Protein backbone atom coordinates (compact mmCIF):
# COMPACT_ATOMS: atom_id res chain seq x y z
CA MET A 1 -10.70 -19.82 -2.53
CA SER A 2 -8.66 -16.67 -2.91
CA LYS A 3 -5.02 -16.59 -1.93
CA VAL A 4 -3.26 -14.19 0.38
CA ARG A 5 -0.14 -12.91 -1.36
CA VAL A 6 2.78 -10.57 -0.89
CA ALA A 7 3.90 -9.14 -4.23
CA GLY A 8 6.26 -6.34 -5.19
CA PHE A 9 7.78 -5.99 -1.75
CA SER A 10 11.39 -4.73 -1.66
CA LEU A 11 13.81 -5.97 0.97
CA SER A 12 17.45 -5.20 1.62
CA LEU A 13 19.88 -8.10 1.89
CA ASP A 14 19.83 -7.68 5.66
CA GLY A 15 16.01 -7.87 5.82
CA PHE A 16 14.79 -4.26 5.94
CA GLY A 17 11.66 -3.27 3.98
CA ALA A 18 11.91 0.47 4.74
CA GLY A 19 14.30 2.98 6.22
CA VAL A 20 14.17 4.31 9.76
CA GLU A 21 12.48 7.55 10.86
CA GLN A 22 9.54 7.65 8.44
CA SER A 23 8.20 11.18 8.00
CA LEU A 24 6.39 13.43 5.53
CA ASP A 25 9.78 14.19 3.94
CA ASP A 26 10.84 10.53 3.96
CA PRO A 27 7.73 8.37 3.34
CA LEU A 28 9.91 5.27 2.98
CA GLY A 29 12.13 6.29 5.91
CA LYS A 30 15.71 7.55 5.74
CA ARG A 31 17.48 5.78 2.87
CA GLY A 32 14.27 3.85 2.14
CA LYS A 33 14.27 5.05 -1.48
CA GLU A 34 17.36 2.93 -2.09
CA LEU A 35 15.20 -0.19 -1.75
CA PHE A 36 12.94 0.90 -4.61
CA GLN A 37 15.40 2.17 -7.22
CA TRP A 38 14.36 -0.72 -9.46
CA TYR A 39 10.77 0.59 -9.41
CA PHE A 40 11.13 4.35 -9.89
CA GLY A 41 12.18 4.10 -13.54
CA THR A 42 9.35 1.79 -14.62
CA ARG A 43 6.37 2.75 -16.77
CA ALA A 44 4.13 1.43 -13.96
CA PHE A 45 5.59 3.90 -11.44
CA HIS A 46 5.48 6.76 -13.92
CA ALA A 47 1.80 6.05 -14.67
CA MET A 48 0.95 5.80 -10.96
CA THR A 49 2.55 9.19 -10.28
CA GLY A 50 1.18 10.95 -13.38
CA GLN A 51 4.49 11.12 -15.22
CA PRO A 52 4.97 10.26 -18.89
CA GLY A 53 7.30 7.52 -20.07
CA GLY A 54 9.17 5.01 -17.99
CA ALA A 55 10.96 1.83 -18.96
CA GLN A 56 9.06 -1.21 -20.16
CA ASP A 57 11.44 -3.90 -19.03
CA VAL A 58 11.58 -6.85 -16.64
CA ASP A 59 11.21 -4.52 -13.64
CA ASP A 60 8.12 -2.93 -15.18
CA ALA A 61 6.57 -6.34 -15.92
CA TYR A 62 7.16 -7.32 -12.28
CA ALA A 63 5.69 -4.01 -11.02
CA VAL A 64 2.55 -4.47 -13.12
CA ARG A 65 2.05 -8.04 -11.86
CA ALA A 66 2.61 -6.86 -8.28
CA MET A 67 -0.55 -4.71 -8.39
CA ALA A 68 -2.81 -6.55 -10.85
CA GLY A 69 -5.68 -8.89 -10.08
CA PHE A 70 -6.18 -8.20 -6.38
CA GLY A 71 -9.66 -7.83 -4.93
CA ALA A 72 -8.53 -6.21 -1.68
CA PHE A 73 -5.40 -5.04 0.13
CA ILE A 74 -4.22 -5.12 3.75
CA LEU A 75 -1.69 -2.51 4.85
CA GLY A 76 0.09 -1.62 8.03
CA ARG A 77 -0.65 1.86 9.31
CA ASN A 78 2.77 3.19 8.27
CA MET A 79 1.89 2.37 4.66
CA PHE A 80 -1.07 4.74 5.02
CA GLY A 81 0.68 7.63 6.73
CA PRO A 82 3.32 8.90 9.15
CA GLN A 83 1.02 9.63 12.11
CA ARG A 84 1.42 7.69 15.32
CA GLY A 85 -1.11 7.31 18.11
CA PRO A 86 -4.67 8.62 17.89
CA TRP A 87 -5.61 10.31 14.61
CA PRO A 88 -5.06 14.06 15.08
CA ASP A 89 -7.84 14.86 12.56
CA ASP A 90 -9.49 13.45 9.44
CA GLY A 91 -7.40 15.55 7.05
CA TRP A 92 -4.78 12.93 6.17
CA LYS A 93 -6.02 10.58 3.44
CA GLY A 94 -2.87 8.63 2.62
CA TRP A 95 0.39 9.16 0.78
CA TRP A 96 -1.02 8.99 -2.76
CA GLY A 97 -3.44 11.88 -3.26
CA GLU A 98 -7.04 11.54 -4.40
CA ASP A 99 -6.50 8.40 -6.54
CA PRO A 100 -4.43 5.83 -4.60
CA PRO A 101 -2.91 2.95 -6.61
CA TYR A 102 -5.02 0.20 -4.99
CA HIS A 103 -8.35 0.58 -6.84
CA ALA A 104 -9.95 -1.92 -4.44
CA PRO A 105 -11.03 -1.97 -0.79
CA THR A 106 -7.95 -1.43 1.37
CA PHE A 107 -7.80 -2.41 5.04
CA VAL A 108 -5.37 -0.51 7.27
CA LEU A 109 -4.28 -2.17 10.52
CA THR A 110 -4.32 0.30 13.40
CA ARG A 111 -5.05 0.52 17.11
CA HIS A 112 -7.02 3.72 16.62
CA PRO A 113 -10.51 3.71 15.06
CA ARG A 114 -11.35 5.93 12.13
CA GLU A 115 -14.26 6.16 9.70
CA PRO A 116 -13.69 4.66 6.20
CA ILE A 117 -12.33 7.01 3.54
CA PRO A 118 -13.69 6.55 0.01
CA MET A 119 -11.23 7.71 -2.66
CA ALA A 120 -11.17 7.95 -6.46
CA GLY A 121 -10.55 4.86 -8.56
CA GLY A 122 -12.39 2.40 -6.32
CA THR A 123 -10.13 2.58 -3.27
CA THR A 124 -11.81 2.85 0.11
CA PHE A 125 -9.58 2.82 3.16
CA HIS A 126 -11.09 0.84 6.05
CA PHE A 127 -9.41 1.03 9.45
CA VAL A 128 -9.30 -2.26 11.35
CA THR A 129 -8.58 -2.25 15.08
CA GLU A 130 -9.35 -5.94 15.74
CA GLY A 131 -6.12 -7.37 14.25
CA ILE A 132 -4.93 -9.11 11.10
CA GLU A 133 -7.46 -11.97 11.30
CA ALA A 134 -10.36 -9.49 11.27
CA ALA A 135 -8.75 -7.53 8.41
CA LEU A 136 -8.30 -10.72 6.39
CA ALA A 137 -11.90 -11.81 6.97
CA GLN A 138 -13.16 -8.39 5.86
CA ALA A 139 -10.84 -8.31 2.84
CA ARG A 140 -11.86 -11.79 1.69
CA ALA A 141 -15.53 -10.90 2.09
CA VAL A 142 -15.24 -8.04 -0.42
CA ALA A 143 -12.51 -9.39 -2.75
CA GLY A 144 -14.99 -11.12 -5.04
CA GLY A 145 -12.94 -14.31 -5.18
CA LYS A 146 -9.77 -12.44 -6.16
CA ASP A 147 -6.56 -12.62 -4.13
CA VAL A 148 -5.83 -10.38 -1.14
CA LYS A 149 -2.49 -8.58 -1.15
CA ILE A 150 -0.51 -7.92 2.02
CA GLY A 151 1.37 -4.62 1.79
CA GLY A 152 4.02 -3.05 3.98
CA GLY A 153 3.90 -0.47 6.68
CA VAL A 154 3.82 -2.78 9.66
């Protein structure tokens, strides 16, 4: 049976996984970038954002392992976007542009229904309003025996 894993999740020493006041200008919240300084210089991050180069070091090896081999992902709504409450429209398709880094079915926990959004690279965002248990059942059903990754944004 597949495992449910958390991988590549940054935390401050006092337990924060993002900054406060997430917005379009601060996707990780105010001062949230400080938690991911280890990641921004890696080849994995550079490749994900369309930049050349990047370090191939222990941080890069960790970053690659943190995204590899998953058959599905579960994210909190904040990991998908900054909107709160009902969806204002269908225009927002996530932080990452047309080719999100997941490349697998991705289940977003929300209280507000929305139609699935197919994206490039094999990512389809599915919006789950029935809770984490329902998201996990759906993710396992499509993961093809691979592990399911729990992301941030809760």
